[in-house]
PDB file of N, CA and C in Angstrom:
ATOM      1  N   GLY A   1       6.684 -11.026 -31.484  1.00  0.00           N
ATOM      2  CA  GLY A   1       6.488  -9.648 -31.564  1.00  0.00           C
ATOM      3  C   GLY A   1       6.960  -9.066 -32.883  1.00  0.00           C
ATOM      4  N   LEU A   2       8.090  -8.405 -32.808  1.00  0.00           N
ATOM      5  CA  LEU A   2       8.579  -7.653 -33.959  1.00  0.00           C
ATOM      6  C   LEU A   2       9.116  -8.572 -35.050  1.00  0.00           C
ATOM      7  N   SER A   3       9.766  -9.646 -34.656  1.00  0.00           N
ATOM      8  CA  SER A   3      10.297 -10.578 -35.663  1.00  0.00           C
ATOM      9  C   SER A   3       9.177 -11.302 -36.386  1.00  0.00           C
ATOM     10  N   ARG A   4       8.088 -11.585 -35.688  1.00  0.00           N
ATOM     11  CA  ARG A   4       6.953 -12.249 -36.333  1.00  0.00           C
ATOM     12  C   ARG A   4       6.335 -11.316 -37.376  1.00  0.00           C
ATOM     13  N   LEU A   5       6.203 -10.025 -37.046  1.00  0.00           N
ATOM     14  CA  LEU A   5       5.688  -9.042 -37.988  1.00  0.00           C
ATOM     15  C   LEU A   5       6.597  -8.938 -39.207  1.00  0.00           C
ATOM     16  N   PHE A   6       7.908  -8.968 -38.973  1.00  0.00           N
ATOM     17  CA  PHE A   6       8.865  -8.923 -40.086  1.00  0.00           C
ATOM     18  C   PHE A   6       8.683 -10.128 -40.995  1.00  0.00           C
ATOM     19  N   TYR A   7       8.529 -11.325 -40.423  1.00  0.00           N
ATOM     20  CA  TYR A   7       8.353 -12.534 -41.225  1.00  0.00           C
ATOM     21  C   TYR A   7       7.026 -12.537 -41.969  1.00  0.00           C
ATOM     22  N   MET A   8       6.023 -11.856 -41.434  1.00  0.00           N
ATOM     23  CA  MET A   8       4.740 -11.775 -42.135  1.00  0.00           C
ATOM     24  C   MET A   8       4.808 -10.781 -43.299  1.00  0.00           C
ATOM     25  N   LEU A   9       5.552  -9.693 -43.127  1.00  0.00           N
ATOM     26  CA  LEU A   9       5.608  -8.659 -44.163  1.00  0.00           C
ATOM     27  C   LEU A   9       6.694  -8.896 -45.203  1.00  0.00           C
ATOM     28  N   PHE A  10       7.644  -9.767 -44.929  1.00  0.00           N
ATOM     29  CA  PHE A  10       8.740  -9.994 -45.867  1.00  0.00           C
ATOM     30  C   PHE A  10       8.260 -10.563 -47.206  1.00  0.00           C
ATOM     31  N   PRO A  11       7.340 -11.551 -47.250  1.00  0.00           N
ATOM     32  CA  PRO A  11       6.841 -12.002 -48.564  1.00  0.00           C
ATOM     33  C   PRO A  11       6.103 -10.893 -49.325  1.00  0.00           C
ATOM     34  N   LEU A  12       5.382 -10.051 -48.588  1.00  0.00           N
ATOM     35  CA  LEU A  12       4.712  -8.929 -49.228  1.00  0.00           C
ATOM     36  C   LEU A  12       5.731  -7.981 -49.862  1.00  0.00           C
ATOM     37  N   PHE A  13       6.824  -7.745 -49.161  1.00  0.00           N
ATOM     38  CA  PHE A  13       7.899  -6.909 -49.699  1.00  0.00           C
ATOM     39  C   PHE A  13       8.482  -7.528 -50.961  1.00  0.00           C
ATOM     40  N   LEU A  14       8.704  -8.831 -50.925  1.00  0.00           N
ATOM     41  CA  LEU A  14       9.279  -9.508 -52.096  1.00  0.00           C
ATOM     42  C   LEU A  14       8.331  -9.473 -53.286  1.00  0.00           C
ATOM     43  N   MET A  15       7.031  -9.544 -53.041  1.00  0.00           N
ATOM     44  CA  MET A  15       6.082  -9.588 -54.160  1.00  0.00           C
ATOM     45  C   MET A  15       5.834  -8.214 -54.772  1.00  0.00           C
ATOM     46  N   PHE A  16       5.810  -7.163 -53.973  1.00  0.00           N
ATOM     47  CA  PHE A  16       5.421  -5.852 -54.495  1.00  0.00           C
ATOM     48  C   PHE A  16       6.577  -4.856 -54.588  1.00  0.00           C
ATOM     49  N   GLU A  17       7.311  -4.681 -53.537  1.00  0.00           N
ATOM     50  CA  GLU A  17       8.341  -3.649 -53.501  1.00  0.00           C
ATOM     51  C   GLU A  17       9.556  -3.996 -54.345  1.00  0.00           C
ATOM     52  N   LEU A  18      10.022  -5.204 -54.271  1.00  0.00           N
ATOM     53  CA  LEU A  18      11.234  -5.588 -54.986  1.00  0.00           C
ATOM     54  C   LEU A  18      11.088  -5.474 -56.501  1.00  0.00           C
ATOM     55  N   PRO A  19       9.985  -5.984 -57.124  1.00  0.00           N
ATOM     56  CA  PRO A  19       9.847  -5.781 -58.580  1.00  0.00           C
ATOM     57  C   PRO A  19       9.747  -4.310 -58.967  1.00  0.00           C
ATOM     58  N   LEU A  20       9.069  -3.523 -58.147  1.00  0.00           N
ATOM     59  CA  LEU A  20       8.965  -2.097 -58.447  1.00  0.00           C
ATOM     60  C   LEU A  20      10.321  -1.412 -58.363  1.00  0.00           C
ATOM     61  N   MET A  21      11.108  -1.770 -57.370  1.00  0.00           N
ATOM     62  CA  MET A  21      12.440  -1.197 -57.224  1.00  0.00           C
ATOM     63  C   MET A  21      13.344  -1.607 -58.387  1.00  0.00           C
ATOM     64  N   ILE A  22      13.230  -2.845 -58.820  1.00  0.00           N
ATOM     65  CA  ILE A  22      14.026  -3.314 -59.964  1.00  0.00           C
ATOM     66  C   ILE A  22      13.611  -2.570 -61.226  1.00  0.00           C
ATOM     67  N   LEU A  23      12.315  -2.352 -61.408  1.00  0.00           N
ATOM     68  CA  LEU A  23      11.824  -1.623 -62.579  1.00  0.00           C
ATOM     69  C   LEU A  23      12.345  -0.192 -62.604  1.00  0.00           C
ATOM     70  N   VAL A  24      12.339   0.474 -61.464  1.00  0.00           N
ATOM     71  CA  VAL A  24      12.863   1.842 -61.389  1.00  0.00           C
ATOM     72  C   VAL A  24      14.354   1.860 -61.683  1.00  0.00           C
ATOM     73  N   MET A  25      15.096   0.930 -61.124  1.00  0.00           N
ATOM     74  CA  MET A  25      16.540   0.890 -61.360  1.00  0.00           C
ATOM     75  C   MET A  25      16.863   0.599 -62.828  1.00  0.00           C
ATOM     76  N   LEU A  26      16.078  -0.261 -63.462  1.00  0.00           N
ATOM     77  CA  LEU A  26      16.285  -0.522 -64.893  1.00  0.00           C
ATOM     78  C   LEU A  26      15.992   0.728 -65.726  1.00  0.00           C
ATOM     79  N   GLY A  27      14.976   1.503 -65.337  1.00  0.00           N
ATOM     80  CA  GLY A  27      14.677   2.750 -66.036  1.00  0.00           C
ATOM     81  C   GLY A  27      15.802   3.761 -65.893  1.00  0.00           C
ATOM     82  N   VAL A  28      16.361   3.867 -64.699  1.00  0.00           N
ATOM     83  CA  VAL A  28      17.493   4.781 -64.490  1.00  0.00           C
ATOM     84  C   VAL A  28      18.701   4.329 -65.290  1.00  0.00           C
ATOM     85  N   LEU A  29      18.966   3.041 -65.300  1.00  0.00           N
ATOM     86  CA  LEU A  29      20.098   2.503 -66.069  1.00  0.00           C
ATOM     87  C   LEU A  29      19.907   2.738 -67.565  1.00  0.00           C
ATOM     88  N   ARG A  30      18.679   2.554 -68.053  1.00  0.00           N
ATOM     89  CA  ARG A  30      18.396   2.798 -69.471  1.00  0.00           C
ATOM     90  C   ARG A  30      18.603   4.271 -69.818  1.00  0.00           C
ATOM     91  N   TRP A  31      18.123   5.167 -68.960  1.00  0.00           N
ATOM     92  CA  TRP A  31      18.302   6.608 -69.196  1.00  0.00           C
ATOM     93  C   TRP A  31      19.780   6.974 -69.209  1.00  0.00           C
ATOM     94  N   PHE A  32      20.548   6.409 -68.278  1.00  0.00           N
ATOM     95  CA  PHE A  32      21.965   6.724 -68.192  1.00  0.00           C
ATOM     96  C   PHE A  32      22.717   6.235 -69.425  1.00  0.00           C
ATOM     97  N   THR A  33      22.420   5.026 -69.903  1.00  0.00           N
ATOM     98  CA  THR A  33      23.121   4.510 -71.084  1.00  0.00           C
ATOM     99  C   THR A  33      22.713   5.265 -72.343  1.00  0.00           C
ATOM    100  N   ARG A  34      21.456   5.652 -72.447  1.00  0.00           N
ATOM    101  CA  ARG A  34      21.037   6.436 -73.618  1.00  0.00           C
ATOM    102  C   ARG A  34      21.681   7.810 -73.628  1.00  0.00           C
ATOM    103  N   ARG A  35      21.803   8.424 -72.464  1.00  0.00           N
ATOM    104  CA  ARG A  35      22.392   9.760 -72.391  1.00  0.00           C
ATOM    105  C   ARG A  35      23.856   9.739 -72.790  1.00  0.00           C
ATOM    106  N   ARG A  36      24.559   8.687 -72.403  1.00  0.00           N
ATOM    107  CA  ARG A  36      25.980   8.602 -72.748  1.00  0.00           C
ATOM    108  C   ARG A  36      26.208   8.318 -74.221  1.00  0.00           C
ATOM    109  N   SER A  37      25.265   7.644 -74.882  1.00  0.00           N
ATOM    110  CA  SER A  37      25.457   7.274 -76.280  1.00  0.00           C
ATOM    111  C   SER A  37      24.909   8.314 -77.259  1.00  0.00           C
ATOM    112  N   GLN A  38      24.189   9.324 -76.783  1.00  0.00           N
ATOM    113  CA  GLN A  38      23.630  10.330 -77.679  1.00  0.00           C
ATOM    114  C   GLN A  38      24.692  11.323 -78.122  1.00  0.00           C
ATOM    115  N   VAL A  39      24.439  11.909 -79.274  1.00  0.00           N
ATOM    116  CA  VAL A  39      25.298  12.958 -79.798  1.00  0.00           C
ATOM    117  C   VAL A  39      25.029  14.230 -78.991  1.00  0.00           C
ATOM    118  N   PRO A  40      26.059  14.972 -78.595  1.00  0.00           N
ATOM    119  CA  PRO A  40      25.833  16.210 -77.834  1.00  0.00           C
ATOM    120  C   PRO A  40      24.977  17.202 -78.610  1.00  0.00           C
ATOM    121  N   ARG A  41      24.228  17.997 -77.890  1.00  0.00           N
ATOM    122  CA  ARG A  41      23.295  18.937 -78.510  1.00  0.00           C
ATOM    123  C   ARG A  41      23.913  20.316 -78.708  1.00  0.00           C
ATOM    124  N   ASN A  42      25.059  20.401 -79.289  1.00  0.00           N
ATOM    125  CA  ASN A  42      25.681  21.696 -79.590  1.00  0.00           C
ATOM    126  C   ASN A  42      25.257  22.115 -80.986  1.00  0.00           C
ATOM    127  N   SER A  43      24.078  22.619 -81.091  1.00  0.00           N
ATOM    128  CA  SER A  43      23.521  23.012 -82.378  1.00  0.00           C
ATOM    129  C   SER A  43      23.759  24.504 -82.603  1.00  0.00           C
ATOM    130  N   LEU A  44      23.949  24.871 -83.841  1.00  0.00           N
ATOM    131  CA  LEU A  44      24.106  26.279 -84.197  1.00  0.00           C
ATOM    132  C   LEU A  44      22.760  26.945 -84.447  1.00  0.00           C
ATOM    133  N   TYR A  45      21.688  26.184 -84.375  1.00  0.00           N
ATOM    134  CA  TYR A  45      20.349  26.722 -84.622  1.00  0.00           C
ATOM    135  C   TYR A  45      19.901  27.561 -83.434  1.00  0.00           C
ATOM    136  N   ARG A  46      19.633  28.806 -83.687  1.00  0.00           N
ATOM    137  CA  ARG A  46      19.129  29.724 -82.673  1.00  0.00           C
ATOM    138  C   ARG A  46      17.849  30.359 -83.233  1.00  0.00           C
ATOM    139  N   PRO A  47      16.693  29.932 -82.771  1.00  0.00           N
ATOM    140  CA  PRO A  47      15.454  30.483 -83.342  1.00  0.00           C
ATOM    141  C   PRO A  47      15.257  31.944 -82.970  1.00  0.00           C
ATOM    142  N   ARG A  48      14.543  32.623 -83.799  1.00  0.00           N
ATOM    143  CA  ARG A  48      14.227  34.039 -83.560  1.00  0.00           C
ATOM    144  C   ARG A  48      13.150  34.122 -82.483  1.00  0.00           C
ATOM    145  N   VAL A  49      13.330  35.028 -81.542  1.00  0.00           N
ATOM    146  CA  VAL A  49      12.389  35.211 -80.439  1.00  0.00           C
ATOM    147  C   VAL A  49      11.753  36.583 -80.574  1.00  0.00           C
ATOM    148  N   SER A  50      10.421  36.620 -80.508  1.00  0.00           N
ATOM    149  CA  SER A  50       9.698  37.889 -80.568  1.00  0.00           C
ATOM    150  C   SER A  50       9.081  38.167 -79.207  1.00  0.00           C
ATOM    151  N   CYS A  51       9.338  39.356 -78.677  1.00  0.00           N
ATOM    152  CA  CYS A  51       8.777  39.776 -77.391  1.00  0.00           C
ATOM    153  C   CYS A  51       7.812  40.919 -77.656  1.00  0.00           C
ATOM    154  N   ILE A  52       6.544  40.690 -77.345  1.00  0.00           N
ATOM    155  CA  ILE A  52       5.533  41.725 -77.518  1.00  0.00           C
ATOM    156  C   ILE A  52       5.326  42.389 -76.168  1.00  0.00           C
ATOM    157  N   ILE A  53       5.589  43.693 -76.104  1.00  0.00           N
ATOM    158  CA  ILE A  53       5.495  44.450 -74.859  1.00  0.00           C
ATOM    159  C   ILE A  53       4.276  45.347 -74.957  1.00  0.00           C
ATOM    160  N   THR A  54       3.315  45.113 -74.078  1.00  0.00           N
ATOM    161  CA  THR A  54       2.116  45.953 -74.073  1.00  0.00           C
ATOM    162  C   THR A  54       2.362  47.162 -73.185  1.00  0.00           C
ATOM    163  N   CYS A  55       2.035  48.344 -73.704  1.00  0.00           N
ATOM    164  CA  CYS A  55       2.278  49.598 -72.987  1.00  0.00           C
ATOM    165  C   CYS A  55       0.934  50.267 -72.747  1.00  0.00           C
ATOM    166  N   TYR A  56       0.436  50.153 -71.549  1.00  0.00           N
ATOM    167  CA  TYR A  56      -0.842  50.782 -71.216  1.00  0.00           C
ATOM    168  C   TYR A  56      -0.598  51.813 -70.130  1.00  0.00           C
ATOM    169  N   SER A  57      -0.373  53.028 -70.525  1.00  0.00           N
ATOM    170  CA  SER A  57      -0.137  54.160 -69.619  1.00  0.00           C
ATOM    171  C   SER A  57       0.966  53.856 -68.615  1.00  0.00           C
ATOM    172  N   GLU A  58       2.094  53.334 -69.075  1.00  0.00           N
ATOM    173  CA  GLU A  58       3.177  52.958 -68.171  1.00  0.00           C
ATOM    174  C   GLU A  58       4.323  53.951 -68.160  1.00  0.00           C
ATOM    175  N   GLY A  59       4.393  54.835 -69.108  1.00  0.00           N
ATOM    176  CA  GLY A  59       5.424  55.863 -69.100  1.00  0.00           C
ATOM    177  C   GLY A  59       6.830  55.298 -69.256  1.00  0.00           C
ATOM    178  N   MET A  60       7.722  55.604 -68.305  1.00  0.00           N
ATOM    179  CA  MET A  60       9.129  55.223 -68.386  1.00  0.00           C
ATOM    180  C   MET A  60       9.376  53.746 -68.057  1.00  0.00           C
ATOM    181  N   ASP A  61       8.379  53.041 -67.539  1.00  0.00           N
ATOM    182  CA  ASP A  61       8.562  51.618 -67.246  1.00  0.00           C
ATOM    183  C   ASP A  61       8.781  50.809 -68.519  1.00  0.00           C
ATOM    184  N   VAL A  62       8.278  51.295 -69.627  1.00  0.00           N
ATOM    185  CA  VAL A  62       8.485  50.615 -70.907  1.00  0.00           C
ATOM    186  C   VAL A  62       9.965  50.662 -71.281  1.00  0.00           C
ATOM    187  N   GLN A  63      10.614  51.779 -71.041  1.00  0.00           N
ATOM    188  CA  GLN A  63      12.042  51.901 -71.332  1.00  0.00           C
ATOM    189  C   GLN A  63      12.838  50.909 -70.482  1.00  0.00           C
ATOM    190  N   THR A  64      12.485  50.735 -69.230  1.00  0.00           N
ATOM    191  CA  THR A  64      13.162  49.768 -68.367  1.00  0.00           C
ATOM    192  C   THR A  64      13.000  48.361 -68.909  1.00  0.00           C
ATOM    193  N   THR A  65      11.809  48.042 -69.381  1.00  0.00           N
ATOM    194  CA  THR A  65      11.555  46.713 -69.955  1.00  0.00           C
ATOM    195  C   THR A  65      12.393  46.498 -71.205  1.00  0.00           C
ATOM    196  N   LEU A  66      12.451  47.490 -72.074  1.00  0.00           N
ATOM    197  CA  LEU A  66      13.232  47.367 -73.311  1.00  0.00           C
ATOM    198  C   LEU A  66      14.728  47.227 -73.011  1.00  0.00           C
ATOM    199  N   LEU A  67      15.234  47.989 -72.051  1.00  0.00           N
ATOM    200  CA  LEU A  67      16.649  47.870 -71.684  1.00  0.00           C
ATOM    201  C   LEU A  67      16.954  46.501 -71.086  1.00  0.00           C
ATOM    202  N   SER A  68      16.021  45.974 -70.322  1.00  0.00           N
ATOM    203  CA  SER A  68      16.202  44.640 -69.754  1.00  0.00           C
ATOM    204  C   SER A  68      16.259  43.582 -70.854  1.00  0.00           C
ATOM    205  N   LEU A  69      15.435  43.727 -71.874  1.00  0.00           N
ATOM    206  CA  LEU A  69      15.470  42.783 -72.997  1.00  0.00           C
ATOM    207  C   LEU A  69      16.768  42.904 -73.791  1.00  0.00           C
ATOM    208  N   CYS A  70      17.316  44.109 -73.880  1.00  0.00           N
ATOM    209  CA  CYS A  70      18.580  44.296 -74.602  1.00  0.00           C
ATOM    210  C   CYS A  70      19.750  43.635 -73.887  1.00  0.00           C
ATOM    211  N   GLU A  71      19.655  43.449 -72.586  1.00  0.00           N
ATOM    212  CA  GLU A  71      20.754  42.872 -71.813  1.00  0.00           C
ATOM    213  C   GLU A  71      20.691  41.352 -71.702  1.00  0.00           C
ATOM    214  N   GLN A  72      19.787  40.710 -72.423  1.00  0.00           N
ATOM    215  CA  GLN A  72      19.675  39.250 -72.355  1.00  0.00           C
ATOM    216  C   GLN A  72      20.895  38.587 -72.985  1.00  0.00           C
ATOM    217  N   THR A  73      21.209  37.388 -72.523  1.00  0.00           N
ATOM    218  CA  THR A  73      22.389  36.666 -73.011  1.00  0.00           C
ATOM    219  C   THR A  73      22.052  35.649 -74.094  1.00  0.00           C
ATOM    220  N   TYR A  74      20.856  35.689 -74.634  1.00  0.00           N
ATOM    221  CA  TYR A  74      20.450  34.754 -75.682  1.00  0.00           C
ATOM    222  C   TYR A  74      21.281  35.004 -76.933  1.00  0.00           C
ATOM    223  N   GLN A  75      21.774  33.924 -77.533  1.00  0.00           N
ATOM    224  CA  GLN A  75      22.664  34.038 -78.692  1.00  0.00           C
ATOM    225  C   GLN A  75      21.922  34.405 -79.976  1.00  0.00           C
ATOM    226  N   GLY A  76      20.656  34.053 -80.063  1.00  0.00           N
ATOM    227  CA  GLY A  76      19.897  34.317 -81.289  1.00  0.00           C
ATOM    228  C   GLY A  76      19.367  35.731 -81.370  1.00  0.00           C
ATOM    229  N   HIS A  77      18.528  35.960 -82.379  1.00  0.00           N
ATOM    230  CA  HIS A  77      17.957  37.280 -82.635  1.00  0.00           C
ATOM    231  C   HIS A  77      16.729  37.472 -81.760  1.00  0.00           C
ATOM    232  N   ILE A  78      16.651  38.611 -81.057  1.00  0.00           N
ATOM    233  CA  ILE A  78      15.489  38.957 -80.244  1.00  0.00           C
ATOM    234  C   ILE A  78      14.798  40.152 -80.892  1.00  0.00           C
ATOM    235  N   GLU A  79      13.545  39.972 -81.233  1.00  0.00           N
ATOM    236  CA  GLU A  79      12.744  41.035 -81.836  1.00  0.00           C
ATOM    237  C   GLU A  79      11.839  41.614 -80.750  1.00  0.00           C
ATOM    238  N   MET A  80      11.882  42.928 -80.573  1.00  0.00           N
ATOM    239  CA  MET A  80      11.062  43.595 -79.554  1.00  0.00           C
ATOM    240  C   MET A  80       9.971  44.396 -80.235  1.00  0.00           C
ATOM    241  N   ILE A  81       8.723  44.130 -79.861  1.00  0.00           N
ATOM    242  CA  ILE A  81       7.582  44.815 -80.467  1.00  0.00           C
ATOM    243  C   ILE A  81       6.796  45.508 -79.351  1.00  0.00           C
ATOM    244  N   PRO A  82       7.019  46.806 -79.141  1.00  0.00           N
ATOM    245  CA  PRO A  82       6.192  47.513 -78.144  1.00  0.00           C
ATOM    246  C   PRO A  82       4.856  47.914 -78.775  1.00  0.00           C
ATOM    247  N   VAL A  83       3.771  47.603 -78.112  1.00  0.00           N
ATOM    248  CA  VAL A  83       2.434  47.941 -78.585  1.00  0.00           C
ATOM    249  C   VAL A  83       1.898  49.044 -77.690  1.00  0.00           C
ATOM    250  N   VAL A  84       1.738  50.242 -78.261  1.00  0.00           N
ATOM    251  CA  VAL A  84       1.305  51.418 -77.508  1.00  0.00           C
ATOM    252  C   VAL A  84      -0.177  51.622 -77.755  1.00  0.00           C
ATOM    253  N   ASP A  85      -0.925  51.912 -76.690  1.00  0.00           N
ATOM    254  CA  ASP A  85      -2.374  52.101 -76.806  1.00  0.00           C
ATOM    255  C   ASP A  85      -2.771  53.532 -77.106  1.00  0.00           C
ATOM    256  N   GLY A  86      -1.825  54.442 -77.130  1.00  0.00           N
ATOM    257  CA  GLY A  86      -2.117  55.826 -77.437  1.00  0.00           C
ATOM    258  C   GLY A  86      -2.491  56.658 -76.231  1.00  0.00           C
ATOM    259  N   ALA A  87      -2.200  56.173 -75.043  1.00  0.00           N
ATOM    260  CA  ALA A  87      -2.535  56.936 -73.843  1.00  0.00           C
ATOM    261  C   ALA A  87      -1.604  58.145 -73.729  1.00  0.00           C
ATOM    262  N   THR A  88      -1.994  59.124 -72.950  1.00  0.00           N
ATOM    263  CA  THR A  88      -1.228  60.369 -72.844  1.00  0.00           C
ATOM    264  C   THR A  88       0.045  60.210 -72.035  1.00  0.00           C
ATOM    265  N   MET A  89       0.133  59.233 -71.148  1.00  0.00           N
ATOM    266  CA  MET A  89       1.319  59.075 -70.312  1.00  0.00           C
ATOM    267  C   MET A  89       2.470  58.390 -71.046  1.00  0.00           C
ATOM    268  N   ASN A  90       2.206  57.738 -72.161  1.00  0.00           N
ATOM    269  CA  ASN A  90       3.275  57.052 -72.889  1.00  0.00           C
ATOM    270  C   ASN A  90       4.102  58.058 -73.613  1.00  0.00           C
TER     271      ASN A  90
END
């Protein structure tokens, strides 16, 4: 019954599953050793970020968006460019 099925499937497991499992474990081990040997990424480079805000008859919602951008914790320079379409509600 069950033991016979196990004995029939065990060679299949050894041929397909075991090499795949070993390959995955070697990949994880390689990633772990590379991560430990790399130089930490504490770079002083902070690229400039530009945020283009489209204002299409939004009124005071644009002010909320601009205030939200001012409260960001990004260390670099954030440039805010509001683009107004000339509608009467702006």
